Protein backbone atom coordinates (compact mmCIF):
# COMPACT_ATOMS: atom_id res chain seq x y z
CA MET A 1 11.25 -16.57 43.11
CA PRO A 2 11.02 -13.11 41.42
CA ASP A 3 7.79 -11.20 41.56
CA LYS A 4 6.10 -11.26 38.11
CA THR A 5 4.49 -7.86 38.72
CA VAL A 6 7.89 -6.24 39.25
CA GLU A 7 9.28 -7.88 36.10
CA ASN A 8 6.23 -6.81 34.10
CA GLU A 9 6.54 -3.21 35.29
CA ALA A 10 10.26 -3.17 34.45
CA GLY A 11 9.48 -4.47 30.96
CA LYS A 12 6.81 -1.83 30.45
CA GLU A 13 9.20 0.90 31.57
CA ALA A 14 11.94 -0.35 29.23
CA LEU A 15 9.48 -0.40 26.32
CA LYS A 16 8.32 3.12 27.18
CA LYS A 17 11.94 4.38 27.13
CA LEU A 18 12.62 2.64 23.82
CA ARG A 19 9.55 4.22 22.24
CA ALA A 20 10.61 7.63 23.53
CA THR A 21 14.08 7.31 22.01
CA ARG A 22 12.67 6.10 18.67
CA LYS A 23 9.83 8.62 18.54
CA ASP A 24 11.09 10.34 15.37
CA GLN A 25 11.64 7.07 13.48
CA ILE A 26 8.19 5.80 14.47
CA ALA A 27 6.55 9.05 13.34
CA ALA A 28 8.43 8.98 10.01
CA ALA A 29 7.44 5.36 9.36
CA THR A 30 3.81 6.06 10.23
CA SER A 31 3.78 9.06 7.92
CA ARG A 32 5.28 7.06 5.04
CA VAL A 33 2.71 4.26 5.44
CA LYS A 34 -0.10 6.83 5.26
CA GLU A 35 1.44 8.34 2.12
CA GLN A 36 1.77 4.91 0.50
CA ARG A 37 -1.89 4.18 1.20
CA ARG A 38 -2.89 7.48 -0.44
CA GLU A 39 -0.73 6.68 -3.49
CA VAL A 40 -2.16 3.16 -3.87
CA LYS A 41 -5.66 4.58 -3.53
CA ALA A 42 -4.91 7.12 -6.29
CA ILE A 43 -3.70 4.33 -8.59
CA LYS A 44 -6.78 2.21 -7.90
CA GLU A 45 -9.10 5.16 -8.43
CA SER A 46 -7.41 5.88 -11.77
CA LEU A 47 -8.10 2.29 -12.80
CA ALA A 48 -11.72 2.36 -11.65
CA ASP A 49 -13.12 3.28 -15.08
CA SER A 50 -10.38 2.33 -17.51
CA GLU A 51 -7.35 0.24 -18.36
CA LEU A 52 -4.12 2.24 -18.22
CA THR A 53 -0.42 1.68 -18.81
CA VAL A 54 2.20 2.52 -16.20
CA PRO A 55 3.09 5.86 -17.90
CA GLU A 56 -0.62 6.73 -18.13
CA LEU A 57 -1.07 5.90 -14.44
CA ALA A 58 1.92 8.09 -13.59
CA ALA A 59 0.40 10.98 -15.52
CA ALA A 60 -3.03 10.43 -13.95
CA THR A 61 -1.72 10.28 -10.39
CA GLY A 62 1.20 12.70 -10.61
CA LEU A 63 3.56 10.04 -9.24
CA PRO A 64 6.95 9.20 -10.77
CA VAL A 65 6.85 6.35 -13.31
CA ASP A 66 9.34 4.21 -11.35
CA GLN A 67 7.24 4.51 -8.21
CA VAL A 68 4.04 3.59 -10.08
CA LEU A 69 5.84 0.57 -11.54
CA TRP A 70 6.69 -0.69 -8.04
CA TYR A 71 3.12 -0.25 -6.88
CA VAL A 72 1.74 -1.94 -10.01
CA ALA A 73 4.09 -4.91 -9.54
CA THR A 74 2.97 -5.31 -5.94
CA LEU A 75 -0.72 -4.85 -6.65
CA LYS A 76 -0.45 -7.33 -9.52
CA LYS A 77 1.32 -9.86 -7.31
CA TYR A 78 -1.57 -9.81 -4.85
CA GLY A 79 -4.28 -9.85 -7.53
CA GLU A 80 -5.56 -6.36 -6.82
CA ILE A 81 -4.89 -5.33 -10.42
CA LEU A 82 -4.72 -7.48 -13.52
CA GLU A 83 -2.51 -7.26 -16.58
CA GLY A 84 -4.43 -6.69 -19.78
CA PRO A 85 -3.43 -6.47 -23.43
CA LYS A 86 -0.35 -4.62 -24.61
CA ALA A 87 -0.62 -1.06 -25.83
CA GLY A 88 2.57 -0.52 -27.79
CA SER A 89 5.46 -1.41 -25.48
CA TYR A 90 3.36 -1.34 -22.32
CA PHE A 91 0.75 -3.59 -20.78
CA ARG A 92 -2.58 -2.11 -19.77
CA TYR A 93 -3.74 -2.74 -16.21
CA ARG A 94 -7.22 -2.93 -14.72
CA LEU A 95 -8.65 -3.50 -11.27
CA GLY A 96 -8.88 -7.08 -10.07
CA GLN A 97 -11.00 -8.55 -7.32
CA PRO A 98 -10.31 -7.10 -3.84
CA PRO A 99 -8.71 -9.63 -1.48
CA ALA A 100 -11.16 -11.62 0.62
CA GLY A 101 -12.00 -9.88 3.87
CA GLU A 102 -10.83 -6.44 2.74
CA PRO A 103 -13.63 -3.89 3.04
CA GLU A 104 -13.46 -1.93 -0.21
CA ALA A 105 -16.07 -0.15 -2.18
CA GLU A 106 -18.04 -2.64 -4.21
CA GLN A 107 -16.41 -3.28 -7.54
CA GLU A 108 -17.88 -5.07 -10.49
CA SER A 109 -15.83 -7.91 -11.86
CA THR A 110 -14.00 -6.93 -15.03
CA ASN A 111 -13.31 -10.55 -15.98
């Protein structure tokens, strides 16, 4: 019967080697996640006091319109922002209720 301690140590060593070989990919992924969080925060902060369209959000945040559109679609899907009335060809968006259990700054309901 193999010794579990030896197997566990071998597994830990293999994982350590894998992490070392993938160090650059892990760092790049971590950096991108941090950047995405900053970008989402900028979008939410822009919507804190007003309803904006995707092009207006892009101008307010300095992000490309296509990137803002992806974030808006995702935030809308999860109820973090809500679609409002149309302004010309574009819908206006506003903050929704933060998801349950997510510690965010207190927001008043805009419903």
